[in-house]
Protein backbone atom coordinates (compact mmCIF):
# COMPACT_ATOMS: atom_id res chain seq x y z
CA MET A 1 124.61 101.74 103.00
CA ASN A 2 122.36 103.66 100.48
CA VAL A 3 119.06 101.98 99.15
CA LEU A 4 117.22 103.55 95.98
CA GLY A 5 113.33 102.81 96.30
CA ILE A 6 111.23 102.49 93.09
CA GLU A 7 107.31 102.46 93.41
CA SER A 8 105.00 102.15 89.98
CA SER A 9 102.57 99.78 91.45
CA CYS A 10 99.61 102.05 90.02
CA ASP A 11 99.12 106.04 88.98
CA GLU A 12 102.36 107.12 91.23
CA THR A 13 105.87 107.22 90.13
CA GLY A 14 107.76 107.65 93.28
CA VAL A 15 111.37 107.07 93.93
CA ALA A 16 113.70 107.96 97.03
CA ILE A 17 117.19 107.27 98.56
CA VAL A 18 117.44 106.04 102.24
CA HIS A 19 120.47 105.16 104.09
CA THR A 20 120.16 102.64 106.57
CA THR A 21 121.43 104.63 109.33
CA LYS A 22 121.16 108.39 108.09
CA GLY A 23 117.20 107.66 106.86
CA LEU A 24 115.96 109.35 104.26
CA LEU A 25 118.22 111.71 101.98
CA ALA A 26 115.75 112.34 99.20
CA HIS A 27 112.51 111.49 97.69
CA ALA A 28 110.32 112.66 94.31
CA LEU A 29 107.07 111.50 93.45
CA HIS A 30 104.89 111.96 90.53
CA SER A 31 101.40 111.65 90.18
CA GLN A 32 99.19 110.61 87.37
CA ILE A 33 95.91 111.84 88.84
CA SER A 34 95.46 114.75 86.11
CA MET A 35 95.98 112.20 83.40
CA HIS A 36 93.44 109.76 84.57
CA ALA A 37 90.98 112.40 85.67
CA GLU A 38 89.63 112.66 82.04
CA TYR A 39 88.65 108.88 82.14
CA GLY A 40 87.29 108.80 85.72
CA GLY A 41 89.66 106.03 86.97
CA VAL A 42 93.25 104.71 86.20
CA VAL A 43 93.78 103.38 82.77
CA PRO A 44 96.51 100.43 83.17
CA GLU A 45 98.22 101.20 79.80
CA LEU A 46 98.63 104.73 80.52
CA ALA A 47 99.79 104.30 83.94
CA SER A 48 102.36 101.99 82.53
CA ARG A 49 103.59 104.44 79.56
CA ASP A 50 103.87 107.20 82.11
CA HIS A 51 106.05 105.34 84.41
CA ILE A 52 108.56 104.60 81.68
CA ARG A 53 108.88 108.59 81.03
CA ARG A 54 109.10 109.51 84.75
CA LEU A 55 111.31 107.07 86.22
CA LEU A 56 114.53 107.88 85.10
CA PRO A 57 114.50 111.86 85.56
CA LEU A 58 113.24 111.10 89.28
CA ILE A 59 115.88 108.84 89.87
CA GLU A 60 118.52 111.55 88.62
CA GLN A 61 116.95 114.13 90.60
CA CYS A 62 116.88 112.13 93.75
CA LEU A 63 120.67 111.32 93.18
CA ASP A 64 120.89 115.28 93.01
CA GLU A 65 119.25 116.16 96.07
CA ALA A 66 120.98 113.35 97.91
CA GLN A 67 124.35 114.48 96.45
CA LEU A 68 125.23 111.15 95.34
CA GLN A 69 126.36 109.30 92.31
CA ARG A 70 125.12 105.97 90.79
CA GLN A 71 127.82 104.15 91.82
CA ASP A 72 127.21 105.22 95.61
CA LEU A 73 124.23 103.00 95.65
CA ASP A 74 124.28 99.72 97.61
CA TYR A 75 120.72 98.10 96.66
CA ILE A 76 117.70 98.82 94.39
CA ALA A 77 114.54 98.27 95.54
CA TYR A 78 111.37 98.17 93.96
CA THR A 79 107.87 97.19 94.36
CA ALA A 80 107.06 93.65 92.89
CA GLY A 81 103.47 93.70 93.91
CA PRO A 82 100.66 93.79 94.13
CA GLY A 83 99.15 96.10 91.99
CA LEU A 84 98.92 96.52 88.15
CA ALA A 85 100.95 94.40 86.29
CA GLY A 86 102.23 96.44 83.46
CA ALA A 87 103.03 99.46 86.25
CA LEU A 88 104.98 96.82 88.21
CA LEU A 89 106.84 95.54 85.13
CA VAL A 90 108.19 99.06 84.42
CA GLY A 91 109.58 99.51 87.68
CA ALA A 92 111.10 96.17 88.13
CA SER A 93 112.54 96.47 84.55
CA VAL A 94 114.46 99.69 85.34
CA ALA A 95 115.27 98.57 89.05
CA ASN A 96 116.98 95.42 87.51
CA ALA A 97 118.66 96.75 84.49
CA LEU A 98 120.34 99.37 86.92
CA ALA A 99 121.12 96.94 89.26
CA TRP A 100 122.88 94.79 86.74
CA ALA A 101 124.64 97.72 85.49
CA LEU A 102 125.98 98.88 88.85
CA GLN A 103 126.57 95.08 89.65
CA ILE A 104 124.64 95.92 93.08
CA PRO A 105 121.79 93.56 94.37
CA ALA A 106 117.96 94.34 93.40
CA TYR A 107 115.53 94.09 96.34
CA PRO A 108 111.42 93.05 95.42
CA ILE A 109 109.60 94.43 98.19
CA HIS A 110 105.75 93.94 98.86
CA HIS A 111 103.83 97.02 98.49
CA LEU A 112 102.02 96.69 101.54
CA GLU A 113 105.17 96.14 103.60
CA GLY A 114 106.16 99.30 102.46
CA HIS A 115 102.82 101.03 103.82
CA LEU A 116 103.09 99.08 106.98
CA LEU A 117 106.51 100.10 108.01
CA SER A 118 106.18 103.73 106.64
CA PRO A 119 105.07 104.99 110.10
CA LEU A 120 108.39 104.16 111.28
CA MET A 121 109.96 107.14 109.36
CA ALA A 122 107.58 109.38 111.53
CA ASP A 123 108.99 110.49 115.25
CA PRO A 124 107.96 109.21 117.28
CA GLN A 125 108.09 105.64 116.20
CA PRO A 126 105.67 103.01 116.83
CA PRO A 127 107.29 100.25 118.84
CA PHE A 128 107.14 96.54 118.36
CA PRO A 129 104.57 94.93 118.72
CA PHE A 130 101.98 96.62 116.98
CA VAL A 131 98.46 96.09 115.17
CA ALA A 132 98.10 97.79 112.09
CA LEU A 133 95.30 98.87 109.90
CA LEU A 134 96.29 98.84 106.27
CA VAL A 135 93.91 100.89 104.06
CA SER A 136 95.52 101.20 100.60
CA GLY A 137 93.39 100.95 97.41
CA GLY A 138 91.98 97.69 97.12
CA HIS A 139 93.27 96.47 100.55
CA THR A 140 91.77 96.72 104.03
CA GLN A 141 93.67 94.49 106.38
CA LEU A 142 94.35 94.34 110.14
CA MET A 143 97.82 92.65 110.62
CA ARG A 144 99.58 92.00 114.14
CA VAL A 145 103.40 92.82 113.47
CA GLY A 146 105.93 91.58 116.07
CA GLY A 147 108.77 93.07 114.06
CA VAL A 148 110.15 93.37 110.55
CA ASN A 149 109.03 90.36 108.33
CA ASP A 150 106.60 88.90 111.27
CA TYR A 151 103.05 89.47 110.03
CA GLN A 152 100.15 88.03 110.99
CA LEU A 153 96.85 88.41 109.25
CA LEU A 154 93.87 89.18 111.67
CA GLY A 155 91.21 90.05 109.12
CA GLU A 156 90.62 91.56 105.79
CA THR A 157 87.99 92.65 103.59
CA LEU A 158 85.60 89.85 102.03
CA ASP A 159 84.79 92.35 98.91
CA ASP A 160 85.16 96.12 98.42
CA ALA A 161 88.04 97.68 100.57
CA ALA A 162 87.25 100.75 102.43
CA GLY A 163 89.02 102.70 99.48
CA GLU A 164 86.94 101.38 96.78
CA ALA A 165 83.82 101.98 99.04
CA PHE A 166 84.73 105.60 99.00
CA ASP A 167 85.80 105.85 95.15
CA LYS A 168 82.33 104.27 94.18
CA THR A 169 80.21 106.31 96.02
CA ALA A 170 81.95 109.22 94.89
CA LYS A 171 81.34 108.22 91.50
CA LEU A 172 77.73 107.46 92.17
CA LEU A 173 77.38 111.05 93.84
CA GLY A 174 78.84 112.68 90.40
CA LEU A 175 82.38 113.49 92.00
CA ASP A 176 85.34 113.67 90.00
CA TYR A 177 88.41 111.09 90.26
CA PRO A 178 90.04 110.62 92.51
CA GLY A 179 86.77 109.96 94.38
CA GLY A 180 87.97 109.33 98.02
CA PRO A 181 89.43 112.94 98.86
CA ALA A 182 86.69 114.50 96.68
CA LEU A 183 83.92 112.35 98.88
CA ALA A 184 85.52 113.41 102.19
CA ALA A 185 85.76 117.10 101.17
CA LEU A 186 81.90 117.11 100.23
CA ALA A 187 81.30 115.36 103.32
CA GLN A 188 82.39 118.29 105.57
CA GLN A 189 79.33 120.36 104.49
CA GLY A 190 76.91 117.44 105.11
CA GLN A 191 75.20 116.15 108.27
CA ALA A 192 75.65 112.15 108.34
CA GLU A 193 72.48 111.85 110.62
CA ARG A 194 70.22 112.55 107.91
CA ILE A 195 70.54 109.52 105.96
CA GLU A 196 70.80 106.38 107.80
CA LEU A 197 73.34 103.60 106.07
CA PRO A 198 74.27 100.13 107.41
CA ARG A 199 77.66 99.50 109.16
CA PRO A 200 78.56 96.11 107.30
CA MET A 201 79.85 93.23 109.90
CA LEU A 202 80.08 96.04 112.57
CA HIS A 203 79.13 93.13 115.05
CA SER A 204 80.42 90.05 113.24
CA LYS A 205 82.81 89.15 116.02
CA ASP A 206 85.75 89.09 113.80
CA PHE A 207 88.26 91.52 112.08
CA ASP A 208 86.79 91.01 108.58
CA PHE A 209 85.58 93.78 106.52
CA SER A 210 82.52 94.28 104.02
CA PHE A 211 81.89 97.41 102.07
CA SER A 212 80.16 96.51 99.17
CA GLY A 213 76.84 96.56 100.61
CA LEU A 214 77.51 100.21 101.90
CA LYS A 215 77.68 101.43 98.11
CA THR A 216 74.36 99.54 97.30
CA ALA A 217 72.88 101.19 100.09
CA VAL A 218 73.65 104.74 98.75
CA LEU A 219 72.58 103.70 95.30
CA THR A 220 69.20 102.91 96.66
CA ARG A 221 68.89 105.98 98.71
CA LEU A 222 70.03 107.95 95.63
CA ARG A 223 67.36 106.39 93.52
CA ALA A 224 64.74 106.69 95.91
CA ALA A 225 65.42 110.54 96.32
CA GLU A 226 65.41 111.14 92.54
CA GLY A 227 62.27 109.72 92.36
CA GLU A 228 60.93 112.16 94.73
CA GLN A 229 62.81 115.05 93.26
CA LEU A 230 64.96 115.63 96.41
CA VAL A 231 68.24 114.93 95.12
CA ASP A 232 70.07 118.66 95.42
CA GLU A 233 73.74 119.72 96.80
CA GLN A 234 72.75 119.33 100.08
CA PHE A 235 71.38 115.92 99.74
CA ARG A 236 74.63 114.56 98.03
CA ALA A 237 76.87 116.17 101.05
CA ASP A 238 74.50 114.65 103.52
CA CYS A 239 75.16 111.33 101.54
CA ALA A 240 78.84 111.83 101.34
CA ALA A 241 79.10 112.42 105.23
CA ALA A 242 76.90 109.44 106.01
CA THR A 243 78.79 107.35 103.68
CA GLU A 244 82.15 108.30 105.56
CA GLN A 245 80.71 107.94 108.75
CA ALA A 246 79.62 104.35 107.99
CA ILE A 247 83.22 103.67 107.03
CA VAL A 248 85.14 105.06 109.70
CA ASP A 249 82.63 103.59 112.42
CA VAL A 250 83.71 100.11 111.29
CA LEU A 251 87.24 100.55 110.78
CA VAL A 252 87.96 102.25 114.07
CA ALA A 253 85.63 99.67 115.91
CA LYS A 254 87.60 96.95 114.49
CA SER A 255 90.74 98.20 114.53
CA ILE A 256 90.19 98.80 118.51
CA ALA A 257 89.06 95.35 119.08
CA ALA A 258 91.67 93.81 117.01
CA THR A 259 94.42 95.79 119.15
CA GLN A 260 92.98 94.76 122.22
CA ALA A 261 92.39 90.90 121.13
CA ALA A 262 96.11 91.14 120.40
CA GLY A 263 97.37 92.01 123.76
CA VAL A 264 99.41 95.18 122.66
CA GLN A 265 98.67 98.85 123.10
CA ASN A 266 99.79 100.20 119.87
CA LEU A 267 97.84 101.02 116.67
CA VAL A 268 99.32 101.67 113.44
CA VAL A 269 97.25 103.21 110.41
CA ALA A 270 98.96 103.19 107.12
CA GLY A 271 97.45 103.55 103.57
CA GLY A 272 95.86 106.32 101.68
CA VAL A 273 92.46 106.43 103.57
CA GLY A 274 94.90 106.73 106.98
CA ALA A 275 94.76 110.81 105.71
CA ASN A 276 91.26 110.79 106.33
CA ARG A 277 90.37 113.42 108.93
CA GLN A 278 87.30 111.93 110.42
CA LEU A 279 89.13 108.64 110.72
CA ARG A 280 92.01 110.17 112.47
CA ALA A 281 89.66 112.09 114.62
CA GLN A 282 87.58 109.45 115.78
CA LEU A 283 90.28 106.90 116.57
CA LYS A 284 92.45 109.64 118.59
CA GLU A 285 89.53 109.90 120.94
CA GLN A 286 88.10 106.07 120.93
CA ALA A 287 91.82 104.70 121.25
CA ALA A 288 92.61 107.14 123.96
CA ALA A 289 89.74 106.10 126.12
CA LYS A 290 90.92 102.29 125.75
CA GLY A 291 94.75 103.37 126.51
CA ILE A 292 95.77 102.80 122.80
CA GLN A 293 98.15 104.71 121.03
CA VAL A 294 97.76 105.48 117.52
CA PHE A 295 100.68 106.18 115.11
CA TYR A 296 100.54 107.21 111.62
CA PRO A 297 103.29 107.55 108.57
CA PRO A 298 104.13 111.60 107.99
CA ILE A 299 101.23 112.80 105.78
CA GLU A 300 103.11 113.00 102.65
CA PHE A 301 103.87 109.12 102.99
CA CYS A 302 100.47 108.05 103.55
CA THR A 303 99.72 107.63 99.74
CA ASP A 304 101.96 105.51 97.38
CA ASN A 305 105.54 106.57 97.27
CA GLY A 306 109.30 105.79 96.78
CA ALA A 307 110.21 106.14 100.34
CA MET A 308 108.55 103.39 101.82
CA ILE A 309 109.70 101.06 99.62
CA ALA A 310 113.31 102.37 100.25
CA PHE A 311 112.91 102.64 103.68
CA ALA A 312 111.31 98.58 103.91
CA ALA A 313 114.26 97.47 102.10
CA ALA A 314 116.41 99.19 104.50
CA MET A 315 114.82 98.01 107.51
CA ARG A 316 114.93 94.37 106.11
CA LEU A 317 118.80 94.87 105.66
CA GLN A 318 119.27 96.07 109.01
CA HIS A 319 117.34 92.86 110.41
CA GLY A 320 119.71 91.01 108.15
CA LEU A 321 117.20 89.72 105.36
CA GLU A 322 118.98 89.94 102.43
CA PRO A 323 117.06 89.78 99.04
CA ASP A 324 116.15 86.20 98.11
CA GLN A 325 116.21 87.21 94.46
CA GLN A 326 119.00 85.95 92.57
CA GLY A 327 120.96 87.46 89.58
CA TYR A 328 118.66 89.71 87.81
CA GLY A 329 115.76 87.95 86.58
CA PHE A 330 112.52 89.10 87.99
CA GLU A 331 108.92 88.37 88.23
CA VAL A 332 105.80 90.81 89.35
CA ARG A 333 102.79 89.59 91.25
CA ALA A 334 99.23 91.47 90.78
CA ARG A 335 98.10 89.38 93.78
CA TRP A 336 100.32 88.78 96.59
CA PRO A 337 99.28 88.24 100.22
CA LEU A 338 101.69 89.98 102.59
CA TYR A 339 101.20 87.28 105.06
CA ALA A 340 102.32 84.64 102.10
CA ALA A 341 105.41 86.97 101.24
């Protein structure tokens, strides 16, 4: 069966076609980064309007790449949440309208489930069960995954997520949007040990996270340094390196502890922060010392994309999970816990 996937939860318009046995047939992605950079962050109204412009041409592009006609599609999957409500409505509307026209089912998919299952598109695939570290945008969670649709929350962020800590600290340092990659790039020129920053909840004896205090600590150091006229490019690079190191230390320690507590030997890292080089290097070293194997999605599928949505729907269909949605009415959910899906 051919599944068309549509992702429009935030600032990337993603479309892909996945066959339930042949795998990924085509995918296309349009990023809105250059449009939002002028404003220093995502403008929801502009994001929604751009999704409207991009979706249909991207669908046609994928059909051409896969050498398929619209009539060859069997399901249309789309991100139903969480995300920006207006942006989600664009994808949901197009998906359901097209599904109605073709008289095939529309399949609402949880955005985080797409990220969670995306490492299964890589070779080798992580075997079930595994613990997953989800670090995507405003989400930082640890889940025990027993199989498709079998998700147990182990811990989550109580305030700012890791991605938000990267972005907010980048703004404090005067870096351009998107802040996370810019901060990671600047960090390569800095020395983390020169600036002492907290590791929030590192020793909390649970698997929850909190990164809001980290941003405040950076702000305090910056103000103190400004008062002494010590802020130069090297100081900013050291701040970036110290921030990245603090976030990575917490993510790695909690992930390994959660994997051991869950009694599994496989750890999956998914979401945009999963592309961070420092996180990957530190996880590789410390996980290997504990006999834990770490898996990632293909690097091009770490950030939001249509392939993960189509793939999640295909995986659910392979496990006999048909969409609950009746007809072509739909709703989107700006907030939607994965374990409650």
